[in-house]
Amino acid sequence: MVKGIIEIDDKNFDSEVLQSEEPVLVDFWAPWCGPCRAIGPMVEELASTFENEVKFAKCNVDDNPVTPGKYGIRAIPTLIFFKDGNVVDQITGMVAKSKLEVAIKNIL
């Protein structure tokens, strides 16, 4: 896993995301998904930019079906922004890095 990004699963989702003291961006993805692979490097750059303000996490939807089901994820990549255990924003599909930056700044 890339520095600054944690891998989460159905078992540790609550402790790592919902109980986090800081805002969390969760990237729901799968290895076979082209747009997921394309957005990955942008998420990695943002993780290094905002490393002391936001927790970044990735959740493989193939290995962890419970959590994506709980949040109604029908397409990937889906990025969900959590603050104080609540969903505050969601972006689905390939988007510009600037759109992700604006979403992150809005939750700080």
N, C-alpha and C. Protein backbone atom coordinates (compact mmCIF):
# COMPACT_ATOMS: atom_id res chain seq x y z
N MET A 1 0.85 -1.19 0.00
CA MET A 1 0.00 0.00 0.00
C MET A 1 0.89 1.25 0.00
N VAL A 2 0.39 2.27 -0.62
CA VAL A 2 1.13 3.52 -0.76
C VAL A 2 1.21 4.25 0.58
N LYS A 3 2.32 4.92 0.80
CA LYS A 3 2.50 5.69 2.04
C LYS A 3 1.34 6.69 2.19
N GLY A 4 0.78 6.75 3.36
CA GLY A 4 -0.29 7.70 3.62
C GLY A 4 -1.68 7.19 3.30
N ILE A 5 -1.77 5.98 2.71
CA ILE A 5 -3.08 5.40 2.39
C ILE A 5 -3.18 4.05 3.08
N ILE A 6 -4.24 3.85 3.85
CA ILE A 6 -4.41 2.57 4.52
C ILE A 6 -5.40 1.70 3.74
N GLU A 7 -5.24 0.41 3.88
CA GLU A 7 -6.16 -0.55 3.27
C GLU A 7 -7.20 -0.88 4.33
N ILE A 8 -8.46 -0.71 3.98
CA ILE A 8 -9.51 -1.06 4.94
C ILE A 8 -10.34 -2.20 4.39
N ASP A 9 -11.01 -2.89 5.32
CA ASP A 9 -11.86 -4.01 4.93
C ASP A 9 -13.13 -3.98 5.76
N ASP A 10 -13.98 -4.97 5.54
CA ASP A 10 -15.26 -5.00 6.26
C ASP A 10 -15.06 -5.08 7.77
N LYS A 11 -13.94 -5.67 8.20
CA LYS A 11 -13.70 -5.84 9.64
C LYS A 11 -13.25 -4.56 10.34
N ASN A 12 -12.36 -3.79 9.69
CA ASN A 12 -11.81 -2.60 10.37
C ASN A 12 -12.44 -1.28 9.91
N PHE A 13 -13.48 -1.34 9.07
CA PHE A 13 -14.08 -0.11 8.55
C PHE A 13 -14.58 0.80 9.67
N ASP A 14 -15.33 0.25 10.62
CA ASP A 14 -15.87 1.08 11.71
C ASP A 14 -14.77 1.77 12.51
N SER A 15 -13.74 1.00 12.88
CA SER A 15 -12.69 1.59 13.72
C SER A 15 -11.84 2.58 12.95
N GLU A 16 -11.54 2.30 11.68
CA GLU A 16 -10.66 3.18 10.90
C GLU A 16 -11.38 4.39 10.31
N VAL A 17 -12.65 4.24 9.97
CA VAL A 17 -13.37 5.31 9.27
C VAL A 17 -14.40 5.98 10.18
N LEU A 18 -15.36 5.21 10.66
CA LEU A 18 -16.47 5.82 11.41
C LEU A 18 -16.03 6.39 12.75
N GLN A 19 -15.00 5.80 13.37
CA GLN A 19 -14.54 6.29 14.66
C GLN A 19 -13.30 7.18 14.55
N SER A 20 -12.93 7.56 13.35
CA SER A 20 -11.74 8.38 13.13
C SER A 20 -11.94 9.80 13.67
N GLU A 21 -10.90 10.32 14.28
CA GLU A 21 -10.92 11.70 14.79
C GLU A 21 -10.84 12.71 13.65
N GLU A 22 -10.23 12.29 12.54
CA GLU A 22 -10.04 13.19 11.40
C GLU A 22 -10.97 12.78 10.26
N PRO A 23 -11.22 13.69 9.32
CA PRO A 23 -12.02 13.31 8.15
C PRO A 23 -11.33 12.19 7.38
N VAL A 24 -12.13 11.37 6.71
CA VAL A 24 -11.59 10.22 5.97
C VAL A 24 -12.14 10.22 4.55
N LEU A 25 -11.25 10.00 3.58
CA LEU A 25 -11.65 9.78 2.20
C LEU A 25 -11.46 8.29 1.93
N VAL A 26 -12.53 7.60 1.57
CA VAL A 26 -12.44 6.18 1.25
C VAL A 26 -12.63 5.99 -0.25
N ASP A 27 -11.64 5.37 -0.87
CA ASP A 27 -11.66 5.06 -2.29
C ASP A 27 -12.13 3.61 -2.44
N PHE A 28 -13.36 3.42 -2.92
CA PHE A 28 -13.87 2.08 -3.19
C PHE A 28 -13.47 1.72 -4.62
N TRP A 29 -12.74 0.62 -4.79
CA TRP A 29 -12.12 0.30 -6.07
C TRP A 29 -12.03 -1.22 -6.25
N ALA A 30 -11.53 -1.62 -7.43
CA ALA A 30 -11.21 -3.02 -7.71
C ALA A 30 -10.03 -3.04 -8.67
N PRO A 31 -9.18 -4.06 -8.57
CA PRO A 31 -7.97 -4.13 -9.40
C PRO A 31 -8.25 -4.17 -10.91
N TRP A 32 -9.37 -4.73 -11.31
CA TRP A 32 -9.70 -4.87 -12.73
C TRP A 32 -10.31 -3.60 -13.33
N CYS A 33 -10.59 -2.60 -12.52
CA CYS A 33 -11.31 -1.40 -12.94
C CYS A 33 -10.33 -0.35 -13.50
N GLY A 34 -10.43 -0.07 -14.81
CA GLY A 34 -9.55 0.90 -15.46
C GLY A 34 -9.63 2.29 -14.85
N PRO A 35 -10.85 2.86 -14.71
CA PRO A 35 -10.95 4.19 -14.09
C PRO A 35 -10.40 4.22 -12.65
N CYS A 36 -10.53 3.11 -11.93
CA CYS A 36 -9.97 3.03 -10.56
C CYS A 36 -8.45 3.17 -10.61
N ARG A 37 -7.84 2.48 -11.57
CA ARG A 37 -6.38 2.56 -11.71
C ARG A 37 -5.96 3.96 -12.15
N ALA A 38 -6.82 4.63 -12.93
CA ALA A 38 -6.49 5.97 -13.41
C ALA A 38 -6.60 7.02 -12.29
N ILE A 39 -7.58 6.87 -11.42
CA ILE A 39 -7.77 7.86 -10.36
C ILE A 39 -6.82 7.61 -9.18
N GLY A 40 -6.30 6.38 -9.07
CA GLY A 40 -5.41 6.02 -7.97
C GLY A 40 -4.24 6.97 -7.76
N PRO A 41 -3.47 7.30 -8.81
CA PRO A 41 -2.34 8.21 -8.63
C PRO A 41 -2.75 9.60 -8.13
N MET A 42 -3.94 10.07 -8.53
CA MET A 42 -4.42 11.37 -8.03
C MET A 42 -4.72 11.29 -6.54
N VAL A 43 -5.33 10.19 -6.13
CA VAL A 43 -5.63 10.01 -4.70
C VAL A 43 -4.32 9.93 -3.91
N GLU A 44 -3.31 9.26 -4.49
CA GLU A 44 -2.00 9.16 -3.82
C GLU A 44 -1.36 10.54 -3.66
N GLU A 45 -1.43 11.37 -4.70
CA GLU A 45 -0.87 12.73 -4.61
C GLU A 45 -1.59 13.54 -3.54
N LEU A 46 -2.90 13.43 -3.52
CA LEU A 46 -3.69 14.17 -2.53
C LEU A 46 -3.40 13.67 -1.11
N ALA A 47 -3.14 12.36 -0.99
CA ALA A 47 -2.81 11.79 0.32
C ALA A 47 -1.53 12.41 0.86
N SER A 48 -0.56 12.67 -0.02
CA SER A 48 0.68 13.28 0.47
C SER A 48 0.47 14.78 0.74
N THR A 49 -0.39 15.42 -0.04
CA THR A 49 -0.67 16.85 0.17
C THR A 49 -1.41 17.09 1.49
N PHE A 50 -2.40 16.26 1.77
CA PHE A 50 -3.27 16.46 2.94
C PHE A 50 -3.01 15.45 4.05
N GLU A 51 -1.79 14.87 4.09
CA GLU A 51 -1.53 13.76 5.01
C GLU A 51 -1.75 14.07 6.49
N ASN A 52 -1.62 15.32 6.90
CA ASN A 52 -1.81 15.65 8.32
C ASN A 52 -3.21 16.13 8.64
N GLU A 53 -4.08 16.18 7.61
CA GLU A 53 -5.42 16.72 7.82
C GLU A 53 -6.53 15.71 7.57
N VAL A 54 -6.28 14.78 6.64
CA VAL A 54 -7.30 13.82 6.21
C VAL A 54 -6.69 12.43 6.17
N LYS A 55 -7.46 11.43 6.61
CA LYS A 55 -7.02 10.04 6.49
C LYS A 55 -7.51 9.52 5.14
N PHE A 56 -6.63 8.84 4.42
CA PHE A 56 -6.97 8.28 3.11
C PHE A 56 -7.00 6.76 3.23
N ALA A 57 -8.03 6.15 2.66
CA ALA A 57 -8.19 4.70 2.75
C ALA A 57 -8.71 4.15 1.43
N LYS A 58 -8.34 2.89 1.16
CA LYS A 58 -8.84 2.19 -0.03
C LYS A 58 -9.56 0.93 0.44
N CYS A 59 -10.67 0.65 -0.23
CA CYS A 59 -11.43 -0.56 0.08
C CYS A 59 -11.69 -1.31 -1.22
N ASN A 60 -11.14 -2.52 -1.33
CA ASN A 60 -11.33 -3.36 -2.51
C ASN A 60 -12.73 -3.97 -2.44
N VAL A 61 -13.60 -3.58 -3.38
CA VAL A 61 -15.00 -4.02 -3.33
C VAL A 61 -15.17 -5.52 -3.60
N ASP A 62 -14.21 -6.12 -4.31
CA ASP A 62 -14.29 -7.56 -4.58
C ASP A 62 -14.02 -8.37 -3.31
N ASP A 63 -13.08 -7.90 -2.50
CA ASP A 63 -12.70 -8.63 -1.28
C ASP A 63 -13.59 -8.29 -0.09
N ASN A 64 -14.30 -7.17 -0.17
CA ASN A 64 -15.09 -6.67 0.97
C ASN A 64 -16.47 -6.23 0.50
N PRO A 65 -17.41 -7.17 0.31
CA PRO A 65 -18.72 -6.82 -0.24
C PRO A 65 -19.68 -6.13 0.74
N VAL A 66 -19.47 -6.30 2.03
CA VAL A 66 -20.42 -5.78 3.02
C VAL A 66 -20.45 -4.25 3.05
N THR A 67 -19.28 -3.64 3.18
CA THR A 67 -19.21 -2.18 3.31
C THR A 67 -19.74 -1.46 2.07
N PRO A 68 -19.31 -1.81 0.86
CA PRO A 68 -19.88 -1.14 -0.32
C PRO A 68 -21.40 -1.31 -0.40
N GLY A 69 -21.89 -2.49 -0.01
CA GLY A 69 -23.34 -2.72 -0.02
C GLY A 69 -24.06 -1.81 0.95
N LYS A 70 -23.45 -1.61 2.10
CA LYS A 70 -24.03 -0.75 3.14
C LYS A 70 -24.18 0.70 2.66
N TYR A 71 -23.25 1.13 1.79
CA TYR A 71 -23.28 2.52 1.30
C TYR A 71 -23.85 2.63 -0.10
N GLY A 72 -24.47 1.56 -0.59
CA GLY A 72 -25.17 1.60 -1.87
C GLY A 72 -24.28 1.86 -3.08
N ILE A 73 -23.06 1.38 -3.02
CA ILE A 73 -22.14 1.61 -4.14
C ILE A 73 -22.49 0.68 -5.29
N ARG A 74 -22.80 1.29 -6.43
CA ARG A 74 -23.18 0.54 -7.63
C ARG A 74 -22.14 0.66 -8.74
N ALA A 75 -21.26 1.65 -8.64
CA ALA A 75 -20.24 1.87 -9.66
C ALA A 75 -18.93 2.24 -8.97
N ILE A 76 -17.83 1.87 -9.61
CA ILE A 76 -16.52 2.24 -9.06
C ILE A 76 -15.71 2.91 -10.15
N PRO A 77 -14.78 3.77 -9.82
CA PRO A 77 -14.44 4.16 -8.45
C PRO A 77 -15.52 5.06 -7.84
N THR A 78 -15.73 4.86 -6.55
CA THR A 78 -16.57 5.76 -5.76
C THR A 78 -15.73 6.22 -4.59
N LEU A 79 -15.64 7.53 -4.42
CA LEU A 79 -14.92 8.11 -3.29
C LEU A 79 -15.96 8.68 -2.34
N ILE A 80 -15.93 8.23 -1.10
CA ILE A 80 -16.86 8.74 -0.10
C ILE A 80 -16.06 9.47 0.97
N PHE A 81 -16.53 10.64 1.32
CA PHE A 81 -15.88 11.49 2.32
C PHE A 81 -16.67 11.41 3.62
N PHE A 82 -15.98 11.03 4.68
CA PHE A 82 -16.61 10.88 6.00
C PHE A 82 -16.05 11.92 6.95
N LYS A 83 -16.92 12.45 7.80
CA LYS A 83 -16.49 13.35 8.86
C LYS A 83 -17.35 13.03 10.07
N ASP A 84 -16.70 12.81 11.21
CA ASP A 84 -17.41 12.45 12.44
C ASP A 84 -18.33 11.24 12.24
N GLY A 85 -17.88 10.29 11.42
CA GLY A 85 -18.64 9.06 11.22
C GLY A 85 -19.78 9.16 10.23
N ASN A 86 -19.96 10.34 9.61
CA ASN A 86 -21.06 10.54 8.68
C ASN A 86 -20.55 10.80 7.26
N VAL A 87 -21.34 10.37 6.28
CA VAL A 87 -21.01 10.67 4.88
C VAL A 87 -21.32 12.14 4.64
N VAL A 88 -20.30 12.89 4.16
CA VAL A 88 -20.50 14.31 3.89
C VAL A 88 -20.40 14.64 2.40
N ASP A 89 -19.85 13.72 1.61
CA ASP A 89 -19.75 13.94 0.17
C ASP A 89 -19.45 12.61 -0.49
N GLN A 90 -19.77 12.53 -1.79
CA GLN A 90 -19.50 11.31 -2.54
C GLN A 90 -19.25 11.68 -4.00
N ILE A 91 -18.24 11.08 -4.58
CA ILE A 91 -17.92 11.30 -5.99
C ILE A 91 -17.78 9.93 -6.64
N THR A 92 -18.50 9.73 -7.75
CA THR A 92 -18.43 8.46 -8.47
C THR A 92 -17.85 8.69 -9.86
N GLY A 93 -16.94 7.81 -10.24
CA GLY A 93 -16.36 7.88 -11.57
C GLY A 93 -15.07 8.68 -11.61
N MET A 94 -14.50 8.75 -12.79
CA MET A 94 -13.25 9.47 -13.01
C MET A 94 -13.53 10.96 -13.06
N VAL A 95 -12.86 11.72 -12.22
CA VAL A 95 -13.04 13.17 -12.18
C VAL A 95 -11.67 13.84 -12.15
N ALA A 96 -11.66 15.14 -12.37
CA ALA A 96 -10.41 15.90 -12.34
C ALA A 96 -9.89 15.98 -10.91
N LYS A 97 -8.57 16.03 -10.80
CA LYS A 97 -7.93 16.14 -9.49
C LYS A 97 -8.44 17.39 -8.76
N SER A 98 -8.67 18.48 -9.49
CA SER A 98 -9.15 19.72 -8.87
C SER A 98 -10.50 19.52 -8.19
N LYS A 99 -11.37 18.68 -8.76
CA LYS A 99 -12.67 18.41 -8.13
C LYS A 99 -12.48 17.67 -6.81
N LEU A 100 -11.52 16.76 -6.79
CA LEU A 100 -11.23 16.03 -5.54
C LEU A 100 -10.67 16.99 -4.49
N GLU A 101 -9.79 17.89 -4.92
CA GLU A 101 -9.20 18.86 -3.98
C GLU A 101 -10.28 19.75 -3.35
N VAL A 102 -11.22 20.21 -4.16
CA VAL A 102 -12.31 21.05 -3.66
C VAL A 102 -13.14 20.27 -2.63
N ALA A 103 -13.45 19.00 -2.94
CA ALA A 103 -14.23 18.17 -2.03
C ALA A 103 -13.49 17.98 -0.70
N ILE A 104 -12.18 17.76 -0.77
CA ILE A 104 -11.39 17.59 0.45
C ILE A 104 -11.39 18.89 1.27
N LYS A 105 -11.15 19.99 0.62
CA LYS A 105 -11.11 21.29 1.33
C LYS A 105 -12.46 21.59 1.98
N ASN A 106 -13.56 21.15 1.35
CA ASN A 106 -14.89 21.39 1.91
C ASN A 106 -15.14 20.63 3.20
N ILE A 107 -14.42 19.54 3.43
CA ILE A 107 -14.66 18.77 4.68
C ILE A 107 -13.69 19.17 5.79
N LEU A 108 -12.74 20.02 5.48
CA LEU A 108 -11.78 20.42 6.52
C LEU A 108 -12.35 21.52 7.40
